[in-house]
Amino acid sequence: MRRKVLRETVCVVDPKRGPIAHAVLVYNEHYLPLESMYCLDIELRRRRGVKMGQVMLLDAEGTKAMFEIIKKLWKRIQELGLQEVFIAIDPDDVPKYERLKFEKIDWPMRYWDFADYAPVAVMVLNVENGKRDADNRLLEHFF
């Protein structure tokens, strides 16, 4: 049986140029794309009742666009009531995401098919901890 994966694209649009930033947010009680590599690790969190999501395809044209897409994404994560949000990134980008309060998870680094079989580091955002810090000053330190 095919599983339904709930996902949506969050966009920032410049009136003159069109879309300048986008991210795909996946949220589902039964499956996240990272489970293709970390099935047991995510299942343990799911059994504890954690409402999880995953950010994929985060891209922006410049700093201002990235700032705007992060703000929109943060707002949507809160609207959905997600408690933890995963992201799989290039290991070199870990410090940038740590400034956004994502925490590196000590799961073994793996080569992931969704990243063209490149090695990825998995990070997680604990939304409750992020809320305490996120009056947008947090976002200003991202860049």
N, C-alpha and C. Protein backbone atom coordinates (compact mmCIF):
# COMPACT_ATOMS: atom_id res chain seq x y z
N MET A 1 0.83 -1.17 0.00
CA MET A 1 0.00 0.00 0.00
C MET A 1 0.89 1.24 0.00
N ARG A 2 0.55 2.20 -0.80
CA ARG A 2 1.30 3.44 -0.89
C ARG A 2 0.89 4.37 0.25
N ARG A 3 1.88 4.96 0.90
CA ARG A 3 1.61 5.87 2.00
C ARG A 3 1.43 7.29 1.48
N LYS A 4 0.49 7.99 2.07
CA LYS A 4 0.28 9.38 1.71
C LYS A 4 1.23 10.23 2.55
N VAL A 5 2.05 11.01 1.87
CA VAL A 5 2.98 11.89 2.55
C VAL A 5 2.45 13.31 2.43
N LEU A 6 2.17 13.93 3.56
CA LEU A 6 1.70 15.30 3.57
C LEU A 6 2.89 16.23 3.42
N ARG A 7 2.83 17.11 2.42
CA ARG A 7 3.92 18.04 2.21
C ARG A 7 3.38 19.30 1.56
N GLU A 8 4.11 20.36 1.77
CA GLU A 8 3.72 21.61 1.13
C GLU A 8 4.98 22.41 0.83
N THR A 9 4.86 23.25 -0.18
CA THR A 9 5.95 24.14 -0.55
C THR A 9 5.67 25.51 0.02
N VAL A 10 6.65 26.06 0.69
CA VAL A 10 6.57 27.41 1.24
C VAL A 10 7.44 28.27 0.33
N CYS A 11 6.87 29.39 -0.16
CA CYS A 11 7.59 30.22 -1.13
C CYS A 11 7.66 31.68 -0.71
N VAL A 12 8.69 32.34 -1.19
CA VAL A 12 8.80 33.79 -1.12
C VAL A 12 8.84 34.26 -2.57
N VAL A 13 7.96 35.22 -2.89
CA VAL A 13 7.84 35.68 -4.27
C VAL A 13 8.16 37.17 -4.34
N ASP A 14 9.05 37.53 -5.25
CA ASP A 14 9.33 38.92 -5.56
C ASP A 14 8.35 39.33 -6.65
N PRO A 15 7.62 40.45 -6.49
CA PRO A 15 6.61 40.84 -7.47
C PRO A 15 7.17 41.00 -8.90
N LYS A 16 8.43 41.37 -9.01
CA LYS A 16 9.03 41.57 -10.34
C LYS A 16 9.70 40.34 -10.91
N ARG A 17 10.33 39.54 -10.03
CA ARG A 17 11.11 38.40 -10.51
C ARG A 17 10.43 37.05 -10.33
N GLY A 18 9.39 37.00 -9.54
CA GLY A 18 8.73 35.73 -9.27
C GLY A 18 9.32 35.07 -8.04
N PRO A 19 9.25 33.73 -7.95
CA PRO A 19 9.74 33.01 -6.76
C PRO A 19 11.25 33.22 -6.58
N ILE A 20 11.64 33.60 -5.37
CA ILE A 20 13.06 33.79 -5.07
C ILE A 20 13.55 32.88 -3.95
N ALA A 21 12.63 32.17 -3.29
CA ALA A 21 13.01 31.23 -2.24
C ALA A 21 11.90 30.21 -2.07
N HIS A 22 12.30 29.00 -1.75
CA HIS A 22 11.30 27.97 -1.47
C HIS A 22 11.87 26.90 -0.54
N ALA A 23 10.96 26.23 0.11
CA ALA A 23 11.30 25.09 0.95
C ALA A 23 10.14 24.12 0.88
N VAL A 24 10.43 22.86 1.01
CA VAL A 24 9.39 21.84 1.08
C VAL A 24 9.36 21.33 2.52
N LEU A 25 8.19 21.37 3.11
CA LEU A 25 7.99 20.89 4.47
C LEU A 25 7.14 19.63 4.40
N VAL A 26 7.70 18.55 4.93
CA VAL A 26 7.01 17.26 4.96
C VAL A 26 6.60 17.01 6.41
N TYR A 27 5.34 16.61 6.60
CA TYR A 27 4.86 16.31 7.95
C TYR A 27 3.86 15.17 7.83
N ASN A 28 4.04 14.17 8.63
CA ASN A 28 3.20 12.99 8.51
C ASN A 28 3.35 12.16 9.77
N GLU A 29 2.25 11.60 10.23
CA GLU A 29 2.31 10.75 11.42
C GLU A 29 2.93 9.38 11.14
N HIS A 30 3.02 9.01 9.87
CA HIS A 30 3.43 7.64 9.55
C HIS A 30 4.73 7.51 8.77
N TYR A 31 5.20 8.61 8.14
CA TYR A 31 6.40 8.47 7.32
C TYR A 31 7.04 9.82 7.03
N LEU A 32 8.36 9.88 7.18
CA LEU A 32 9.17 11.01 6.74
C LEU A 32 10.24 10.47 5.79
N PRO A 33 10.68 11.25 4.81
CA PRO A 33 11.70 10.75 3.88
C PRO A 33 12.97 10.24 4.57
N LEU A 34 13.37 10.83 5.69
CA LEU A 34 14.57 10.36 6.39
C LEU A 34 14.45 8.93 6.87
N GLU A 35 13.24 8.41 6.95
CA GLU A 35 13.07 7.03 7.42
C GLU A 35 13.65 6.02 6.44
N SER A 36 13.94 6.45 5.22
CA SER A 36 14.60 5.53 4.30
C SER A 36 16.01 5.19 4.78
N MET A 37 16.58 6.05 5.65
CA MET A 37 17.91 5.80 6.21
C MET A 37 17.90 5.54 7.71
N TYR A 38 16.99 6.18 8.41
CA TYR A 38 16.99 6.15 9.88
C TYR A 38 15.64 5.69 10.43
N CYS A 39 15.16 4.60 9.93
CA CYS A 39 13.83 4.09 10.27
C CYS A 39 13.65 3.88 11.77
N LEU A 40 14.55 3.16 12.39
CA LEU A 40 14.40 2.85 13.82
C LEU A 40 14.54 4.08 14.70
N ASP A 41 15.45 4.98 14.33
CA ASP A 41 15.67 6.18 15.13
C ASP A 41 14.42 7.06 15.15
N ILE A 42 13.80 7.23 14.01
CA ILE A 42 12.59 8.06 13.94
C ILE A 42 11.40 7.35 14.57
N GLU A 43 11.33 6.04 14.39
CA GLU A 43 10.24 5.28 14.99
C GLU A 43 10.24 5.39 16.52
N LEU A 44 11.41 5.41 17.12
CA LEU A 44 11.49 5.57 18.58
C LEU A 44 10.88 6.89 19.02
N ARG A 45 11.13 7.96 18.27
CA ARG A 45 10.53 9.25 18.60
C ARG A 45 9.01 9.20 18.38
N ARG A 46 8.61 8.58 17.31
CA ARG A 46 7.17 8.49 17.01
C ARG A 46 6.43 7.74 18.13
N ARG A 47 7.02 6.69 18.65
CA ARG A 47 6.39 5.93 19.73
C ARG A 47 6.23 6.75 21.00
N ARG A 48 7.09 7.76 21.17
CA ARG A 48 6.95 8.66 22.31
C ARG A 48 5.90 9.73 22.07
N GLY A 49 5.29 9.71 20.88
CA GLY A 49 4.21 10.65 20.58
C GLY A 49 4.68 11.99 20.05
N VAL A 50 5.91 12.08 19.59
CA VAL A 50 6.45 13.34 19.07
C VAL A 50 5.85 13.61 17.69
N LYS A 51 5.33 14.81 17.50
CA LYS A 51 4.80 15.23 16.20
C LYS A 51 5.96 15.83 15.40
N MET A 52 6.32 15.15 14.30
CA MET A 52 7.55 15.47 13.58
C MET A 52 7.30 15.94 12.16
N GLY A 53 8.28 16.67 11.66
CA GLY A 53 8.29 17.10 10.27
C GLY A 53 9.72 17.07 9.75
N GLN A 54 9.85 17.38 8.47
CA GLN A 54 11.17 17.41 7.86
C GLN A 54 11.19 18.52 6.81
N VAL A 55 12.26 19.32 6.83
CA VAL A 55 12.46 20.35 5.82
C VAL A 55 13.33 19.77 4.73
N MET A 56 12.89 20.00 3.48
CA MET A 56 13.65 19.53 2.32
C MET A 56 13.72 20.66 1.30
N LEU A 57 14.73 20.60 0.46
CA LEU A 57 14.85 21.52 -0.67
C LEU A 57 14.82 22.98 -0.29
N LEU A 58 15.47 23.34 0.77
CA LEU A 58 15.55 24.73 1.20
C LEU A 58 16.51 25.48 0.27
N ASP A 59 16.00 26.51 -0.41
CA ASP A 59 16.81 27.24 -1.38
C ASP A 59 16.34 28.68 -1.47
N ALA A 60 17.29 29.60 -1.65
CA ALA A 60 16.93 31.01 -1.76
C ALA A 60 17.98 31.74 -2.59
N GLU A 61 17.55 32.82 -3.22
CA GLU A 61 18.44 33.69 -4.00
C GLU A 61 18.89 34.84 -3.12
N GLY A 62 19.93 34.65 -2.36
CA GLY A 62 20.47 35.72 -1.54
C GLY A 62 20.02 35.67 -0.09
N THR A 63 20.69 36.51 0.70
CA THR A 63 20.48 36.54 2.14
C THR A 63 19.07 37.00 2.52
N LYS A 64 18.60 38.05 1.89
CA LYS A 64 17.27 38.57 2.23
C LYS A 64 16.19 37.52 1.95
N ALA A 65 16.28 36.84 0.81
CA ALA A 65 15.31 35.81 0.47
C ALA A 65 15.38 34.64 1.45
N MET A 66 16.60 34.27 1.86
CA MET A 66 16.74 33.17 2.82
C MET A 66 16.11 33.57 4.16
N PHE A 67 16.35 34.80 4.57
CA PHE A 67 15.76 35.29 5.82
C PHE A 67 14.23 35.20 5.75
N GLU A 68 13.65 35.60 4.65
CA GLU A 68 12.19 35.58 4.49
C GLU A 68 11.63 34.16 4.47
N ILE A 69 12.31 33.26 3.78
CA ILE A 69 11.80 31.88 3.71
C ILE A 69 11.90 31.21 5.07
N ILE A 70 12.95 31.49 5.83
CA ILE A 70 13.08 30.91 7.17
C ILE A 70 11.96 31.41 8.07
N LYS A 71 11.63 32.70 7.99
CA LYS A 71 10.53 33.24 8.80
C LYS A 71 9.20 32.58 8.44
N LYS A 72 8.93 32.42 7.14
CA LYS A 72 7.67 31.79 6.72
C LYS A 72 7.63 30.32 7.14
N LEU A 73 8.74 29.66 7.00
CA LEU A 73 8.82 28.24 7.38
C LEU A 73 8.60 28.08 8.88
N TRP A 74 9.23 28.92 9.68
CA TRP A 74 9.07 28.87 11.14
C TRP A 74 7.61 29.06 11.51
N LYS A 75 6.95 30.03 10.89
CA LYS A 75 5.53 30.28 11.17
C LYS A 75 4.68 29.05 10.85
N ARG A 76 4.95 28.42 9.71
CA ARG A 76 4.16 27.25 9.30
C ARG A 76 4.40 26.07 10.23
N ILE A 77 5.63 25.89 10.66
CA ILE A 77 5.95 24.80 11.59
C ILE A 77 5.14 24.96 12.87
N GLN A 78 5.04 26.18 13.36
CA GLN A 78 4.26 26.42 14.57
C GLN A 78 2.77 26.22 14.32
N GLU A 79 2.25 26.66 13.18
CA GLU A 79 0.83 26.48 12.87
C GLU A 79 0.45 25.01 12.83
N LEU A 80 1.35 24.17 12.34
CA LEU A 80 1.09 22.73 12.25
C LEU A 80 1.24 22.02 13.60
N GLY A 81 1.78 22.70 14.58
CA GLY A 81 1.96 22.10 15.90
C GLY A 81 3.07 21.06 15.93
N LEU A 82 4.06 21.18 15.05
CA LEU A 82 5.16 20.23 15.04
C LEU A 82 6.03 20.45 16.27
N GLN A 83 6.55 19.36 16.81
CA GLN A 83 7.41 19.43 17.99
C GLN A 83 8.88 19.30 17.64
N GLU A 84 9.17 18.52 16.62
CA GLU A 84 10.54 18.35 16.13
C GLU A 84 10.53 18.41 14.61
N VAL A 85 11.53 19.08 14.06
CA VAL A 85 11.65 19.17 12.61
C VAL A 85 13.08 18.79 12.23
N PHE A 86 13.20 17.80 11.38
CA PHE A 86 14.50 17.31 10.93
C PHE A 86 14.91 18.02 9.66
N ILE A 87 16.22 18.05 9.44
CA ILE A 87 16.77 18.50 8.16
C ILE A 87 18.04 17.70 7.92
N ALA A 88 18.23 17.27 6.69
CA ALA A 88 19.45 16.55 6.29
C ALA A 88 20.24 17.50 5.41
N ILE A 89 21.46 17.79 5.83
CA ILE A 89 22.24 18.83 5.17
C ILE A 89 23.66 18.38 4.87
N ASP A 90 24.33 19.17 4.06
CA ASP A 90 25.76 18.98 3.82
C ASP A 90 26.46 19.16 5.16
N PRO A 91 27.34 18.24 5.54
CA PRO A 91 28.01 18.36 6.84
C PRO A 91 28.73 19.70 7.04
N ASP A 92 29.17 20.34 5.98
CA ASP A 92 29.84 21.64 6.09
C ASP A 92 28.89 22.75 6.54
N ASP A 93 27.57 22.55 6.40
CA ASP A 93 26.58 23.57 6.76
C ASP A 93 26.08 23.48 8.19
N VAL A 94 26.59 22.55 8.97
CA VAL A 94 26.13 22.35 10.34
C VAL A 94 26.19 23.64 11.17
N PRO A 95 27.30 24.39 11.15
CA PRO A 95 27.34 25.61 11.98
C PRO A 95 26.24 26.63 11.64
N LYS A 96 25.91 26.75 10.38
CA LYS A 96 24.86 27.69 9.96
C LYS A 96 23.51 27.31 10.57
N TYR A 97 23.18 26.02 10.58
CA TYR A 97 21.91 25.57 11.11
C TYR A 97 21.91 25.53 12.64
N GLU A 98 23.07 25.38 13.24
CA GLU A 98 23.14 25.48 14.70
C GLU A 98 22.75 26.87 15.17
N ARG A 99 23.05 27.89 14.39
CA ARG A 99 22.64 29.26 14.75
C ARG A 99 21.13 29.43 14.68
N LEU A 100 20.45 28.54 13.97
CA LEU A 100 18.99 28.55 13.92
C LEU A 100 18.38 27.63 14.96
N LYS A 101 19.23 27.13 15.86
CA LYS A 101 18.82 26.25 16.96
C LYS A 101 18.54 24.81 16.53
N PHE A 102 18.94 24.43 15.32
CA PHE A 102 18.93 23.01 14.97
C PHE A 102 20.08 22.38 15.74
N GLU A 103 19.89 21.15 16.19
CA GLU A 103 20.92 20.42 16.93
C GLU A 103 21.35 19.21 16.12
N LYS A 104 22.66 18.99 16.06
CA LYS A 104 23.17 17.83 15.34
C LYS A 104 22.80 16.58 16.12
N ILE A 105 22.35 15.59 15.40
CA ILE A 105 21.98 14.31 16.01
C ILE A 105 23.15 13.36 15.81
N ASP A 106 23.43 12.57 16.79
CA ASP A 106 24.57 11.65 16.73
C ASP A 106 24.27 10.37 15.96
N TRP A 107 23.44 10.47 14.95
CA TRP A 107 23.20 9.32 14.09
C TRP A 107 24.37 9.21 13.11
N PRO A 108 24.72 7.99 12.71
CA PRO A 108 25.86 7.85 11.79
C PRO A 108 25.57 8.56 10.46
N MET A 109 26.61 9.18 9.91
CA MET A 109 26.46 9.84 8.62
C MET A 109 26.27 8.78 7.54
N ARG A 110 25.31 9.02 6.67
CA ARG A 110 25.03 8.06 5.60
C ARG A 110 24.92 8.78 4.27
N TYR A 111 25.04 8.00 3.21
CA TYR A 111 24.86 8.54 1.86
C TYR A 111 23.40 8.36 1.50
N TRP A 112 22.73 9.43 1.17
CA TRP A 112 21.28 9.42 1.02
C TRP A 112 20.87 9.61 -0.43
N ASP A 113 19.95 8.77 -0.88
CA ASP A 113 19.50 8.84 -2.27
C ASP A 113 18.82 10.18 -2.60
N PHE A 114 18.11 10.79 -1.63
CA PHE A 114 17.47 12.08 -1.87
C PHE A 114 18.48 13.20 -2.06
N ALA A 115 19.73 12.98 -1.67
CA ALA A 115 20.79 13.98 -1.81
C ALA A 115 21.80 13.53 -2.85
N ASP A 116 21.32 12.80 -3.86
CA ASP A 116 22.19 12.27 -4.92
C ASP A 116 23.33 11.44 -4.35
N TYR A 117 23.03 10.70 -3.31
CA TYR A 117 23.96 9.79 -2.64
C TYR A 117 25.16 10.51 -2.02
N ALA A 118 24.97 11.77 -1.66
CA ALA A 118 26.00 12.52 -0.94
C ALA A 118 25.84 12.23 0.56
N PRO A 119 26.92 12.38 1.32
CA PRO A 119 26.78 12.20 2.77
C PRO A 119 25.99 13.36 3.36
N VAL A 120 25.15 13.06 4.34
CA VAL A 120 24.36 14.10 4.99
C VAL A 120 24.52 14.02 6.51
N ALA A 121 24.43 15.18 7.12
CA ALA A 121 24.35 15.28 8.57
C ALA A 121 22.88 15.55 8.88
N VAL A 122 22.34 14.87 9.86
CA VAL A 122 20.95 15.07 10.24
C VAL A 122 20.92 15.96 11.48
N MET A 123 20.04 16.96 11.40
CA MET A 123 19.86 17.87 12.53
C MET A 123 18.38 17.92 12.86
N VAL A 124 18.08 18.33 14.08
CA VAL A 124 16.69 18.42 14.51
C VAL A 124 16.48 19.75 15.22
N LEU A 125 15.33 20.34 14.96
CA LEU A 125 14.90 21.54 15.65
C LEU A 125 13.85 21.14 16.66
N ASN A 126 14.14 21.36 17.94
CA ASN A 126 13.15 21.17 18.98
C ASN A 126 12.35 22.46 19.02
N VAL A 127 11.12 22.42 18.56
CA VAL A 127 10.32 23.63 18.35
C VAL A 127 10.07 24.37 19.66
N GLU A 128 9.84 23.67 20.73
CA GLU A 128 9.59 24.34 22.02
C GLU A 128 10.81 25.15 22.44
N ASN A 129 12.00 24.56 22.31
CA ASN A 129 13.22 25.30 22.64
C ASN A 129 13.38 26.50 21.71
N GLY A 130 13.06 26.31 20.45
CA GLY A 130 13.16 27.39 19.48
C GLY A 130 12.22 28.53 19.78
N LYS A 131 11.02 28.22 20.26
CA LYS A 131 10.05 29.27 20.60
C LYS A 131 10.59 30.18 21.68
N ARG A 132 11.31 29.61 22.62
CA ARG A 132 11.85 30.42 23.72
C ARG A 132 12.87 31.42 23.19
N ASP A 133 13.56 31.06 22.12
CA ASP A 133 14.63 31.91 21.60
C ASP A 133 14.21 32.76 20.40
N ALA A 134 13.09 32.44 19.78
CA ALA A 134 12.79 32.98 18.46
C ALA A 134 11.84 34.16 18.47
N ASP A 135 12.38 35.31 18.76
CA ASP A 135 11.59 36.52 18.54
C ASP A 135 12.18 37.23 17.33
N ASN A 136 12.70 36.43 16.41
CA ASN A 136 13.34 36.81 15.16
C ASN A 136 14.79 37.29 15.34
N ARG A 137 15.21 37.55 16.57
CA ARG A 137 16.65 37.83 16.77
C ARG A 137 17.43 36.59 16.37
N LEU A 138 16.88 35.44 16.63
CA LEU A 138 17.49 34.17 16.25
C LEU A 138 17.77 34.13 14.75
N LEU A 139 16.82 34.55 13.95
CA LEU A 139 16.98 34.49 12.51
C LEU A 139 18.06 35.46 12.02
N GLU A 140 18.22 36.59 12.67
CA GLU A 140 19.20 37.56 12.24
C GLU A 140 20.61 37.01 12.33
N HIS A 141 20.86 36.07 13.24
CA HIS A 141 22.19 35.51 13.41
C HIS A 141 22.47 34.35 12.45
N PHE A 142 21.51 34.02 11.61
CA PHE A 142 21.67 32.91 10.68
C PHE A 142 22.72 33.24 9.62
N PHE A 143 22.84 34.51 9.28
CA PHE A 143 23.73 34.88 8.17
C PHE A 143 24.89 35.73 8.62
